[in-house]
Amino acid sequence: MITQTKNPPFFYGYTIIVAGFFIQAVVWGMSNSFGVFYDPLIREFGWSRATISGAVSLGFLVHGATSILLGNLNDRFGPRIIMSACGLFIGLGLWCLATLDSVWQLYLFYSLVFCVGLGGIDVIPLSTVSRWFQKKRGMMSGIIKVGTGVGMFAMPFFINWLIKNNGWRHSFVVLAFLIIISVLFLAQFLVRDPSCKGQLIDNGITPAAKTEGAEEGLTSKEAFGTKQFWMICYIYFVILFCTYTILMHIVQHAIDLGTSRGGAASILSAVGGVSIIGRFLMGGAGDRIGEKTALLICLLCLLLSLCWLQLVTGLWMFYLFAAVYGFAHGGFFALISPLVTKFFGTKSLGFLLGIVIFSSTIGGAIGPLLAGYIFDLTESYKIVFWILAGLSASAIAITASLRPVIRN
């Protein structure tokens, strides 16, 4: 038991926030900008987009599966050593991609090596921050995820500049060094929970944090026995099914409707920019109105944007779509860790969050591929968007029916 007579002048939890923010910005910014490498790879090797997209989809599943393992390891050993290992795997994958000359190497270096490391980039900082904050858990998670939005906005320009001036192979080398150095450095500031620093959740300000301690909640076995856990897994399966289908196909859909390539790309940038607002505001809203209510608002925005997408014909209409959808997109990722913590506590948070992330990545891998198949058959995205709208409606119904877990 921790004994202290007054709160320390500096709460170390804020250091966790800063480190998590920059890890998200650098790594997710790079990962979500991998599409910038499509054109140079296609021009050099003549590979189809389906070939490269297949590696990305496989990597997405690997990322989800390793989230379970890395979340469990984070519960046991803490974030510093696990995040350091993740940085090394990501950097090694990028370094090896610089030597690429065949398809099997793309699948090995990207889908396996790179994405094994990627599996810890969400689950480690998000489960860690939930152990440090209770009163403002949603807002702090949102601030960390703002880093992803900042990275999505900035990294494509940086990577495009690297490729233009140095070629794609040297660009992979530069990114490898950037990832290894930054992640290894930032990982050293990550600490599992307040007790490791002789502190308390929320710096002891929240009364419940003083009495209950940091490690309360259900074990993984107990959580598996609740319907709420599997309902949350389904909700985030749907969310990633919808969001990654949109991210992978909205640019081409806009081009098909007569939008210029530059205008179509700006739609994606608008989504990334607005998502920063959604991550921050909805993370904080979860603290005030509850994670469930905040998630319902995001899902309703998603459904509304998908219905609007059926009517879109011009660029300004796409921007309106990006504003509504981007807000929801940001909120989804700010709320995932606080939602799981709210229902199941922090005792097995890393492991449970990893399983929810894995469930979501299955949707994220299936959605874009299914959408491409349907488009090839119908030469239209109309059916795709109606399917996404139907799935969104089902997630709204499931979320509305969520009830607190009864703990013995």
Foldseek 3Di string as FASTA:
>chain_A
DFDDDAFDPDQLLVLLLVLLLQLLLLLLLVVVLCVLCVVVVCVVQVDDPVLLLVLVLLLLLLLLVLLLVLLQVCLVPNQLVSLLVLLLLLLQLLLQVLVDDDSVNSNPSRSHSNSSSNSNSQLRSLLQSLLQADLLSLLSLLSSLLSNLNSNQPVNVVLNVCCVVPNSSVSSNVSSVVSNVSRNVSSVSGGRHCVVVSAWRVSCPDVCRVPVPRADFDDPVVLVPDPLLVLLLLLLLLVLLLPLLCLVCQLVQLVVLPDDNVLSVVLNSLLSVLLSVLSNVLSRVCSVVNLLVSLLQLLVLSLVLLVLVLVDRDSVSSSVSSNSNSSSNSNVSSRLQVVQCQQGNSNSSSNSSSNSSSSNSVSNSPNNVVQVVVCVVVVDSNVSSVVSSVSSVVSSVSSVPDDHDDDD
